Amino acid sequence: MLINLTQNQNFKLFKIISEVAESKHQTVFIVGGYVRDLLMKRKVPTDIDFVTESNGMDLAKAVAQAINPKLKVSVFKNYGTAMFKHDGLDLEFVGARKESYAEDSRKPSVETGTLEDDQKRRDFTINALAISLNKANFGELIDPFNGISDIENKVIRTPLEPSQTYSDDPLRMMRAIRFASTLNFKIEENSLHAIKKEAERIKIVSMERIMVEFNKIMLSEKPSVGLKLMEETGILPLVMPELTALRGIEEVEGQTHKDNFWHTLEVVDNISKNTQNLWLRWAALLHDIGKAPTKKFVEGIGWTFYGHEFLGSKMVKSLFHRLKLPLGSDMKYVQKLVKLSSRPISLIDDGTSDSALRRLLFDSGEDLEDLFTLCKADITTKNSSKQQKFKKNFEYVAQKIKEVEEKDQVRNFQPPISGEEIMELFNLKPGREIGILKEKVKEAILEGEIANDKVEARNFVIKEAQILGLKPA
């Protein structure tokens, strides 16, 4: 099969590479994801991999020299690869190789091989496709494992025996699930069985590499596809047991609770329709994480999950730490949303005080809209009238909050009187009294005792300071 590259946006580049390889008596082929996405008519990636049945580092240097002698080539001798950037592209060149693996490592021993050897070591048939850039057969598709058929049939299949493929490099199990989720493909039956069989091998893969694949699943159009496959194959309980602990329904005295695992997956899918924010999707994934350890049956009440939001927000930090996820602002953002995830629901009441609304505004700050996006995604009832009622209730709360915000301006609240002003007012040095007075001002504003106003705050501080035995300077 011949691929017409003349209309390809990178045709000039491919011709240069072809001519350089010809002059050096080397073969050269485009391989991997670029070929797959080109054949699928998807947006092709900006990183392109090339294989030569000779020295990849030498070819990279020669190509860079032909394009622009000033181009900087990065060489990785241990891997036999070299790469450089050109015109917004990341171009990587490697010598064809064959690999063998030790049982306790996913790092292979490598030796020089042919294009066929190189295609055999690829993870899936859809990634084992190559396009020749050689003068004799420029544009020819080389497809020894019928990957083009698997693309047409939307199937994830390994080039070689699947158990060996996954045992050799267990990260491929996560990649199979990721491709199934992002491309909406099915994992071939033997391959799926092999993943179940080899699931425990995922433990030898670094958590950083696992999370790269996991986050790609989380950013797919319907993350539940990948999450269900992780659960079905036994990988999810090994990676995130806190999540699979939510699975199951218990019954006591005829009373049951919903399966919070499947509910969570539905919430993640719901939120994914409205945001590409990875960490907001993570907040959806973890919003009920505290329900397993707080679940309790109370006589006369039924199933309860008291304090699950608070415990869940505390669990986020240890979970992020173990999963090697960012521990800075992204983690704190997820913690905040998990902690506040039930608060808006409790405000759906005509009798809700303005102080409760002010506190939600204060606690959520600039993330209020994201919190509401999460709460709306949490509506998973199949009863359409109930669904409409819940959504209207949220709109009602949003309107009430808007009115309070316009009146009191407490979102991203900054005290109208600073610690320095309090020290100057009473001729004080830094100390605990300053913190106490600032906290009292904040509470008074949130409770509606005083307006968010400098003069009122100053008068309030003078009055409260007298109780502490302080007098204005």
Protein backbone atom coordinates (compact mmCIF):
# COMPACT_ATOMS: atom_id res chain seq x y z
CA MET A 1 0.00 0.00 0.00
CA LEU A 2 1.37 3.41 -0.99
CA ILE A 3 0.75 6.50 1.17
CA ASN A 4 0.68 9.76 -0.79
CA LEU A 5 2.95 12.06 1.21
CA THR A 6 3.07 14.85 -1.39
CA GLN A 7 0.13 16.66 0.27
CA ASN A 8 1.51 16.11 3.77
CA GLN A 9 2.42 19.32 5.63
CA ASN A 10 5.86 17.81 6.37
CA PHE A 11 6.55 16.58 2.82
CA LYS A 12 9.61 18.86 2.32
CA LEU A 13 11.10 17.60 5.60
CA PHE A 14 10.51 13.97 4.60
CA LYS A 15 12.22 14.55 1.24
CA ILE A 16 15.29 16.05 2.96
CA ILE A 17 15.49 13.06 5.32
CA SER A 18 15.11 10.69 2.36
CA GLU A 19 17.91 12.38 0.41
CA VAL A 20 20.29 12.49 3.40
CA ALA A 21 19.66 8.79 4.18
CA GLU A 22 20.23 7.92 0.50
CA SER A 23 23.55 9.83 0.47
CA LYS A 24 24.67 7.92 3.60
CA HIS A 25 23.44 4.54 2.23
CA GLN A 26 21.04 4.21 5.18
CA THR A 27 17.41 3.11 5.28
CA VAL A 28 14.88 5.35 7.05
CA PHE A 29 11.22 4.95 8.02
CA ILE A 30 8.55 6.99 9.85
CA VAL A 31 7.19 4.86 12.69
CA GLY A 32 4.80 4.93 15.63
CA GLY A 33 2.00 7.31 16.57
CA TYR A 34 2.53 9.70 13.66
CA VAL A 35 1.79 6.92 11.16
CA ARG A 36 -1.22 5.69 13.15
CA ASP A 37 -2.79 9.15 13.44
CA LEU A 38 -2.06 9.94 9.78
CA LEU A 39 -3.94 6.79 8.70
CA MET A 40 -6.78 7.54 11.12
CA LYS A 41 -7.02 11.07 9.71
CA ARG A 42 -6.54 12.45 13.22
CA LYS A 43 -4.50 15.54 13.99
CA VAL A 44 -0.95 14.23 13.69
CA PRO A 45 1.38 14.78 16.68
CA THR A 46 4.24 17.28 16.63
CA ASP A 47 6.72 14.57 17.63
CA ILE A 48 7.81 12.28 14.80
CA ASP A 49 9.89 9.12 15.24
CA PHE A 50 12.23 7.79 12.57
CA VAL A 51 13.95 4.39 12.49
CA THR A 52 17.04 3.51 10.48
CA GLU A 53 18.66 0.09 10.11
CA SER A 54 21.96 1.78 10.84
CA ASN A 55 23.15 4.47 13.28
CA GLY A 56 20.27 6.76 14.31
CA MET A 57 22.55 9.31 15.98
CA ASP A 58 24.64 9.77 12.83
CA LEU A 59 21.54 10.16 10.67
CA ALA A 60 20.05 12.77 13.04
CA LYS A 61 23.22 14.86 12.92
CA ALA A 62 23.38 14.66 9.11
CA VAL A 63 19.70 15.63 8.72
CA ALA A 64 20.06 18.55 11.15
CA GLN A 65 23.14 19.73 9.23
CA ALA A 66 21.20 19.59 5.95
CA ILE A 67 18.27 21.59 7.36
CA ASN A 68 20.26 24.19 9.30
CA PRO A 69 23.86 23.81 10.52
CA LYS A 70 22.94 25.81 13.65
CA LEU A 71 20.39 23.23 14.86
CA LYS A 72 21.34 21.65 18.18
CA VAL A 73 21.15 17.84 18.27
CA SER A 74 20.66 16.06 21.62
CA VAL A 75 22.32 12.65 21.66
CA PHE A 76 21.43 9.82 24.07
CA LYS A 77 24.14 7.19 23.55
CA ASN A 78 22.71 4.74 26.10
CA TYR A 79 19.52 4.51 24.06
CA GLY A 80 21.10 4.93 20.63
CA THR A 81 18.80 7.88 19.92
CA ALA A 82 19.21 11.51 18.93
CA MET A 83 16.67 14.29 18.57
CA PHE A 84 16.33 17.91 17.60
CA LYS A 85 13.60 20.51 17.26
CA HIS A 86 12.71 22.06 13.93
CA ASP A 87 9.79 24.24 12.86
CA GLY A 88 7.69 23.32 15.91
CA LEU A 89 8.42 19.61 15.56
CA ASP A 90 10.32 17.21 17.83
CA LEU A 91 12.22 14.85 15.54
CA GLU A 92 13.72 11.69 17.03
CA PHE A 93 16.00 9.20 15.22
CA VAL A 94 16.83 5.73 16.49
CA GLY A 95 18.61 2.70 15.14
CA ALA A 96 16.37 -0.35 14.61
CA ARG A 97 16.76 -2.75 17.52
CA LYS A 98 15.53 -5.91 19.12
CA GLU A 99 14.97 -6.22 22.85
CA SER A 100 14.97 -8.80 25.63
CA TYR A 101 13.73 -8.27 29.19
CA ALA A 102 14.70 -9.44 32.67
CA GLU A 103 11.78 -10.51 34.86
CA ASP A 104 12.27 -7.81 37.53
CA SER A 105 12.66 -4.82 35.19
CA ARG A 106 10.93 -3.11 32.30
CA LYS A 107 14.30 -1.85 31.01
CA PRO A 108 15.34 -4.13 28.14
CA SER A 109 18.74 -5.24 26.97
CA VAL A 110 19.05 -3.96 23.42
CA GLU A 111 20.93 -5.08 20.34
CA THR A 112 20.99 -3.88 16.73
CA GLY A 113 18.18 -5.22 14.59
CA THR A 114 16.21 -4.82 11.39
CA LEU A 115 13.04 -2.82 10.78
CA GLU A 116 11.13 -6.10 11.26
CA ASP A 117 12.79 -6.60 14.67
CA ASP A 118 11.89 -3.03 15.58
CA GLN A 119 8.26 -3.49 14.58
CA LYS A 120 8.04 -6.71 16.62
CA ARG A 121 9.07 -4.87 19.80
CA ARG A 122 6.28 -2.29 19.41
CA ASP A 123 3.43 -2.40 21.90
CA PHE A 124 0.43 -2.67 19.54
CA THR A 125 -0.19 -3.46 15.89
CA ILE A 126 -1.61 0.04 15.36
CA ASN A 127 1.75 1.44 16.54
CA ALA A 128 3.87 -1.06 14.58
CA LEU A 129 3.17 0.58 11.22
CA ALA A 130 5.99 2.18 9.23
CA ILE A 131 6.17 4.39 6.15
CA SER A 132 9.30 4.11 4.03
CA LEU A 133 11.18 7.29 3.15
CA ASN A 134 13.68 5.34 1.04
CA LYS A 135 14.08 6.43 -2.57
CA ALA A 136 13.20 2.98 -3.98
CA ASN A 137 9.80 2.75 -2.22
CA PHE A 138 9.08 6.26 -0.86
CA GLY A 139 5.66 6.33 0.84
CA GLU A 140 5.19 2.55 1.05
CA LEU A 141 3.27 1.39 4.13
CA ILE A 142 5.00 -1.53 5.86
CA ASP A 143 2.41 -3.37 7.96
CA PRO A 144 3.59 -6.88 8.98
CA PHE A 145 0.92 -7.34 11.69
CA ASN A 146 -2.15 -6.08 9.83
CA GLY A 147 -2.35 -2.92 11.92
CA ILE A 148 -4.35 -1.13 9.22
CA SER A 149 -7.10 -3.72 9.65
CA ASP A 150 -7.05 -3.23 13.43
CA ILE A 151 -7.41 0.54 12.91
CA GLU A 152 -10.43 -0.07 10.65
CA ASN A 153 -11.95 -2.50 13.19
CA LYS A 154 -10.99 -0.33 16.19
CA VAL A 155 -9.05 -3.08 17.94
CA ILE A 156 -6.07 -2.94 20.34
CA ARG A 157 -3.89 -6.01 19.64
CA THR A 158 -0.25 -6.83 20.37
CA PRO A 159 2.14 -7.81 17.54
CA LEU A 160 3.42 -10.84 19.48
CA GLU A 161 1.96 -13.12 22.16
CA PRO A 162 0.13 -10.71 24.55
CA SER A 163 1.18 -12.22 27.91
CA GLN A 164 4.84 -11.93 26.92
CA THR A 165 4.31 -8.39 25.60
CA TYR A 166 2.73 -7.23 28.87
CA SER A 167 5.08 -9.18 31.13
CA ASP A 168 8.12 -7.70 29.35
CA ASP A 169 6.90 -4.13 29.80
CA PRO A 170 3.87 -3.89 32.12
CA LEU A 171 3.38 -0.19 31.31
CA ARG A 172 1.92 -1.47 28.02
CA MET A 173 -1.12 -2.64 30.00
CA MET A 174 -1.84 0.97 30.98
CA ARG A 175 -1.13 2.08 27.41
CA ALA A 176 -3.62 -0.49 26.05
CA ILE A 177 -6.29 0.84 28.38
CA ARG A 178 -5.35 4.44 27.57
CA PHE A 179 -5.66 3.86 23.81
CA ALA A 180 -8.99 2.08 24.33
CA SER A 181 -10.21 5.14 26.24
CA THR A 182 -8.78 7.90 24.03
CA LEU A 183 -9.39 6.25 20.64
CA ASN A 184 -12.63 4.47 21.62
CA PHE A 185 -11.13 1.10 20.59
CA LYS A 186 -11.76 -2.37 22.05
CA ILE A 187 -8.95 -4.42 23.58
CA GLU A 188 -8.81 -7.76 21.75
CA GLU A 189 -10.03 -10.66 23.93
CA ASN A 190 -6.70 -12.53 24.28
CA SER A 191 -4.99 -9.25 25.07
CA LEU A 192 -7.57 -8.36 27.72
CA HIS A 193 -7.18 -11.80 29.31
CA ALA A 194 -3.38 -11.33 29.33
CA ILE A 195 -3.70 -7.96 31.12
CA LYS A 196 -5.82 -9.62 33.84
CA LYS A 197 -3.21 -12.37 34.13
CA GLU A 198 -0.23 -9.98 34.29
CA ALA A 199 -1.90 -7.17 36.31
CA GLU A 200 0.38 -7.64 39.35
CA ARG A 201 3.39 -6.84 37.14
CA ILE A 202 2.27 -3.19 37.13
CA LYS A 203 4.01 -2.94 40.52
CA ILE A 204 7.45 -2.83 38.86
CA VAL A 205 6.50 0.30 36.89
CA SER A 206 7.24 3.70 38.44
CA MET A 207 4.17 5.56 39.66
CA GLU A 208 5.21 8.58 37.61
CA ARG A 209 4.92 6.56 34.36
CA ILE A 210 1.60 5.03 35.45
CA MET A 211 0.18 8.49 36.19
CA VAL A 212 1.19 9.83 32.77
CA GLU A 213 -1.07 7.18 31.22
CA PHE A 214 -3.75 7.57 33.90
CA ASN A 215 -4.00 11.33 33.32
CA LYS A 216 -4.41 10.74 29.59
CA ILE A 217 -7.33 8.44 30.46
CA MET A 218 -8.73 11.17 32.72
CA LEU A 219 -8.53 13.67 29.84
CA SER A 220 -10.28 11.38 27.35
CA GLU A 221 -13.79 12.19 26.16
CA LYS A 222 -15.32 9.49 28.38
CA PRO A 223 -12.84 8.56 31.15
CA SER A 224 -15.10 5.80 32.52
CA VAL A 225 -14.11 3.64 29.53
CA GLY A 226 -10.52 3.46 30.80
CA LEU A 227 -11.46 3.43 34.49
CA LYS A 228 -13.83 0.49 33.96
CA LEU A 229 -11.10 -1.42 32.11
CA MET A 230 -8.64 -0.72 34.93
CA GLU A 231 -11.20 -2.07 37.41
CA GLU A 232 -12.09 -5.09 35.26
CA THR A 233 -8.45 -6.10 34.73
CA GLY A 234 -7.49 -5.73 38.40
CA ILE A 235 -5.07 -2.83 37.84
CA LEU A 236 -7.19 -0.15 39.54
CA PRO A 237 -7.20 -1.81 43.00
CA LEU A 238 -3.40 -2.04 42.77
CA VAL A 239 -3.00 1.62 41.80
CA MET A 240 -5.88 3.26 43.68
CA PRO A 241 -7.47 0.96 46.27
CA GLU A 242 -9.21 3.97 47.88
CA LEU A 243 -11.37 4.21 44.76
CA THR A 244 -12.30 0.55 44.40
CA ALA A 245 -13.12 0.48 48.15
CA LEU A 246 -16.26 2.44 47.17
CA ARG A 247 -17.50 -0.50 45.09
CA GLY A 248 -20.49 -2.58 46.22
CA ILE A 249 -23.92 -2.23 47.81
CA GLU A 250 -24.78 -3.35 51.34
CA GLU A 251 -28.22 -4.02 52.73
CA VAL A 252 -29.30 -3.85 56.37
CA GLU A 253 -32.93 -4.08 57.49
CA GLY A 254 -34.03 -3.73 53.88
CA GLN A 255 -32.13 -0.48 53.41
CA THR A 256 -29.39 -0.13 50.81
CA HIS A 257 -27.06 2.61 49.60
CA LYS A 258 -25.96 3.32 46.04
CA ASP A 259 -22.74 1.85 44.64
CA ASN A 260 -20.46 4.84 45.11
CA PHE A 261 -17.79 3.48 42.75
CA TRP A 262 -20.06 3.37 39.69
CA HIS A 263 -21.66 6.65 40.78
CA THR A 264 -18.18 8.23 40.85
CA LEU A 265 -17.42 7.07 37.30
CA GLU A 266 -20.69 8.61 36.15
CA VAL A 267 -19.81 11.91 37.86
CA VAL A 268 -16.40 11.93 36.12
CA ASP A 269 -18.08 11.39 32.74
CA ASN A 270 -20.62 14.14 33.50
CA ILE A 271 -17.98 16.69 34.42
CA SER A 272 -15.85 15.76 31.40
CA LYS A 273 -18.63 17.09 29.13
CA ASN A 274 -18.09 20.54 30.63
CA THR A 275 -14.37 20.91 31.37
CA GLN A 276 -10.90 20.02 30.09
CA ASN A 277 -9.45 20.97 33.50
CA LEU A 278 -7.58 17.80 34.58
CA TRP A 279 -7.67 18.68 38.28
CA LEU A 280 -11.39 19.47 38.25
CA ARG A 281 -11.87 15.99 36.77
CA TRP A 282 -9.68 14.63 39.59
CA ALA A 283 -11.93 16.41 42.11
CA ALA A 284 -14.89 14.55 40.57
CA LEU A 285 -12.96 11.27 40.81
CA LEU A 286 -12.19 11.80 44.51
CA HIS A 287 -15.28 13.71 45.68
CA ASP A 288 -16.71 10.63 47.48
CA ILE A 289 -13.36 9.03 48.40
CA GLY A 290 -14.15 9.44 52.12
CA LYS A 291 -17.39 7.45 51.92
CA ALA A 292 -15.83 3.99 52.31
CA PRO A 293 -14.15 4.70 55.70
CA THR A 294 -17.11 6.75 57.04
CA LYS A 295 -19.90 4.38 55.98
CA LYS A 296 -22.11 3.38 58.90
CA PHE A 297 -25.60 2.00 59.40
CA VAL A 298 -27.49 3.91 62.10
CA GLU A 299 -30.63 2.39 63.58
CA GLY A 300 -33.69 4.46 62.66
CA ILE A 301 -31.74 6.60 60.17
CA GLY A 302 -30.16 4.20 57.69
CA TRP A 303 -26.81 4.43 55.92
CA THR A 304 -24.74 7.47 56.81
CA PHE A 305 -21.44 8.90 55.58
CA TYR A 306 -20.97 11.66 58.16
CA GLY A 307 -17.90 13.80 57.56
CA HIS A 308 -16.92 12.02 54.34
CA GLU A 309 -16.06 15.32 52.62
CA PHE A 310 -13.70 16.38 55.41
CA LEU A 311 -12.00 12.98 55.63
CA GLY A 312 -11.89 12.76 51.83
CA SER A 313 -10.08 16.10 51.57
CA LYS A 314 -7.50 14.84 54.08
CA MET A 315 -7.06 11.63 52.07
CA VAL A 316 -6.27 13.65 48.92
CA LYS A 317 -2.83 14.68 50.21
CA SER A 318 -1.62 11.16 51.07
CA LEU A 319 -3.11 9.81 47.84
CA PHE A 320 -1.37 12.48 45.71
CA HIS A 321 1.88 11.81 47.58
CA ARG A 322 1.71 8.06 46.90
CA LEU A 323 0.71 8.57 43.26
CA LYS A 324 3.58 11.05 42.73
CA LEU A 325 1.13 13.77 41.67
CA PRO A 326 1.82 17.51 42.24
CA LEU A 327 1.65 18.45 45.93
CA GLY A 328 1.32 22.22 45.41
CA SER A 329 -1.60 24.34 44.21
CA ASP A 330 -3.17 21.53 42.10
CA MET A 331 -3.43 19.22 45.10
CA LYS A 332 -4.81 22.02 47.33
CA TYR A 333 -7.39 22.86 44.65
CA VAL A 334 -8.61 19.23 44.59
CA GLN A 335 -8.63 19.14 48.41
CA LYS A 336 -10.75 22.30 48.55
CA LEU A 337 -13.34 21.06 46.06
CA VAL A 338 -13.63 17.65 47.74
CA LYS A 339 -14.11 19.34 51.13
CA LEU A 340 -16.78 21.71 49.79
CA SER A 341 -18.49 19.23 47.45
CA SER A 342 -21.67 18.90 49.58
CA ARG A 343 -21.90 22.49 50.82
CA PRO A 344 -23.99 24.02 48.00
CA ILE A 345 -26.58 21.23 48.37
CA SER A 346 -27.11 22.16 52.03
CA LEU A 347 -27.88 25.75 51.00
CA ILE A 348 -30.90 24.79 48.86
CA ASP A 349 -33.40 26.22 51.28
CA ASP A 350 -35.37 29.49 51.41
CA GLY A 351 -34.30 29.83 55.03
CA THR A 352 -30.58 29.74 54.25
CA SER A 353 -28.92 32.68 55.96
CA ASP A 354 -26.78 35.20 54.15
CA SER A 355 -23.94 34.29 56.53
CA ALA A 356 -23.94 30.68 55.20
CA LEU A 357 -23.76 32.04 51.65
CA ARG A 358 -20.97 34.45 52.62
CA ARG A 359 -19.00 31.59 54.16
CA LEU A 360 -19.32 29.50 51.00
CA LEU A 361 -18.13 32.48 48.96
CA PHE A 362 -15.22 33.01 51.33
CA ASP A 363 -14.20 29.35 51.46
CA SER A 364 -14.50 28.68 47.72
CA GLY A 365 -13.06 32.01 46.53
CA GLU A 366 -12.20 32.01 42.84
CA ASP A 367 -13.12 28.30 42.56
CA LEU A 368 -16.86 28.80 43.19
CA GLU A 369 -17.84 28.22 39.53
CA ASP A 370 -15.76 25.01 39.45
CA LEU A 371 -17.47 23.86 42.65
CA PHE A 372 -20.87 24.37 41.04
CA THR A 373 -19.71 22.49 37.93
CA LEU A 374 -18.76 19.58 40.23
CA CYS A 375 -22.06 19.71 42.12
CA LYS A 376 -24.09 19.65 38.90
CA ALA A 377 -22.02 16.69 37.62
CA ASP A 378 -22.88 14.91 40.91
CA ILE A 379 -26.54 14.73 39.86
CA THR A 380 -26.74 11.18 38.50
CA THR A 381 -30.41 10.38 39.09
CA LYS A 382 -32.14 8.86 36.06
CA ASN A 383 -35.43 10.51 37.07
CA SER A 384 -35.71 13.47 34.67
CA SER A 385 -38.09 15.49 36.90
CA LYS A 386 -35.73 15.06 39.88
CA GLN A 387 -32.80 16.02 37.66
CA GLN A 388 -34.53 19.23 36.55
CA LYS A 389 -35.51 20.03 40.15
CA PHE A 390 -31.90 19.66 41.37
CA LYS A 391 -30.57 21.83 38.52
CA LYS A 392 -33.15 24.55 39.23
CA ASN A 393 -32.18 24.44 42.90
CA PHE A 394 -28.54 25.04 41.99
CA GLU A 395 -29.53 27.97 39.78
CA TYR A 396 -31.51 29.37 42.72
CA VAL A 397 -28.49 29.09 45.05
CA ALA A 398 -26.22 30.62 42.40
CA GLN A 399 -28.55 33.61 42.12
CA LYS A 400 -28.69 34.06 45.91
CA ILE A 401 -24.90 33.90 46.10
CA LYS A 402 -24.59 36.46 43.30
CA GLU A 403 -26.84 38.86 45.25
CA VAL A 404 -24.82 38.42 48.46
CA GLU A 405 -21.54 38.81 46.58
CA GLU A 406 -22.66 42.09 44.99
CA LYS A 407 -23.75 43.38 48.38
CA ASP A 408 -20.91 42.18 50.63
CA GLN A 409 -17.95 41.49 48.30
CA VAL A 410 -16.48 38.59 50.28
CA ARG A 411 -15.16 36.42 47.46
CA ASN A 412 -11.32 36.38 47.65
CA PHE A 413 -11.90 38.29 50.88
CA GLN A 414 -9.21 40.67 52.10
CA PRO A 415 -9.77 42.20 55.57
CA PRO A 416 -10.69 45.92 55.27
CA ILE A 417 -8.21 46.60 58.08
CA SER A 418 -4.69 45.15 57.95
CA GLY A 419 -2.47 43.83 60.72
CA GLU A 420 -0.14 46.83 60.24
CA GLU A 421 -3.05 49.25 60.70
CA ILE A 422 -4.11 47.47 63.90
CA MET A 423 -0.54 47.67 65.26
CA GLU A 424 -0.39 51.38 64.45
CA LEU A 425 -3.84 51.98 65.97
CA PHE A 426 -2.79 50.52 69.33
CA ASN A 427 0.99 51.09 69.13
CA LEU A 428 1.60 47.32 69.26
CA LYS A 429 4.39 45.04 68.10
CA PRO A 430 3.56 41.84 66.15
CA GLY A 431 1.83 39.35 68.47
CA ARG A 432 -1.14 37.04 68.98
CA GLU A 433 -3.53 39.97 69.70
CA ILE A 434 -3.21 41.10 66.07
CA GLY A 435 -4.26 37.68 64.77
CA ILE A 436 -7.16 37.49 67.21
CA LEU A 437 -8.50 40.90 66.15
CA LYS A 438 -8.15 40.13 62.42
CA GLU A 439 -10.03 36.84 62.90
CA LYS A 440 -12.80 38.66 64.82
CA VAL A 441 -13.18 41.17 61.96
CA LYS A 442 -13.44 38.34 59.43
CA GLU A 443 -16.06 36.47 61.49
CA ALA A 444 -18.09 39.66 62.07
CA ILE A 445 -18.22 40.37 58.32
CA LEU A 446 -19.13 36.78 57.42
CA GLU A 447 -21.85 36.74 60.08
CA GLY A 448 -23.21 40.07 58.80
CA GLU A 449 -22.55 41.90 62.08
CA ILE A 450 -20.62 44.60 60.22
CA ALA A 451 -20.26 45.53 56.55
CA ASN A 452 -17.10 44.79 54.56
CA ASP A 453 -16.11 48.41 55.12
CA LYS A 454 -12.95 50.09 56.49
CA VAL A 455 -14.70 52.50 58.88
CA GLU A 456 -16.99 49.82 60.35
CA ALA A 457 -14.06 47.41 60.69
CA ARG A 458 -11.95 50.06 62.47
CA ASN A 459 -14.74 50.89 64.95
CA PHE A 460 -15.33 47.16 65.53
CA VAL A 461 -11.62 46.58 66.24
CA ILE A 462 -11.53 49.42 68.79
CA LYS A 463 -14.53 47.94 70.57
CA GLU A 464 -13.12 44.38 70.58
CA ALA A 465 -9.66 45.61 71.63
CA GLN A 466 -11.10 47.04 74.82
CA ILE A 467 -12.21 43.53 75.81
CA LEU A 468 -8.55 42.46 75.42
CA GLY A 469 -7.45 45.43 77.56
CA LEU A 470 -6.04 47.43 74.66
CA LYS A 471 -6.50 51.17 74.16
CA PRO A 472 -5.95 53.26 71.02
CA ALA A 473 -2.56 55.05 70.91
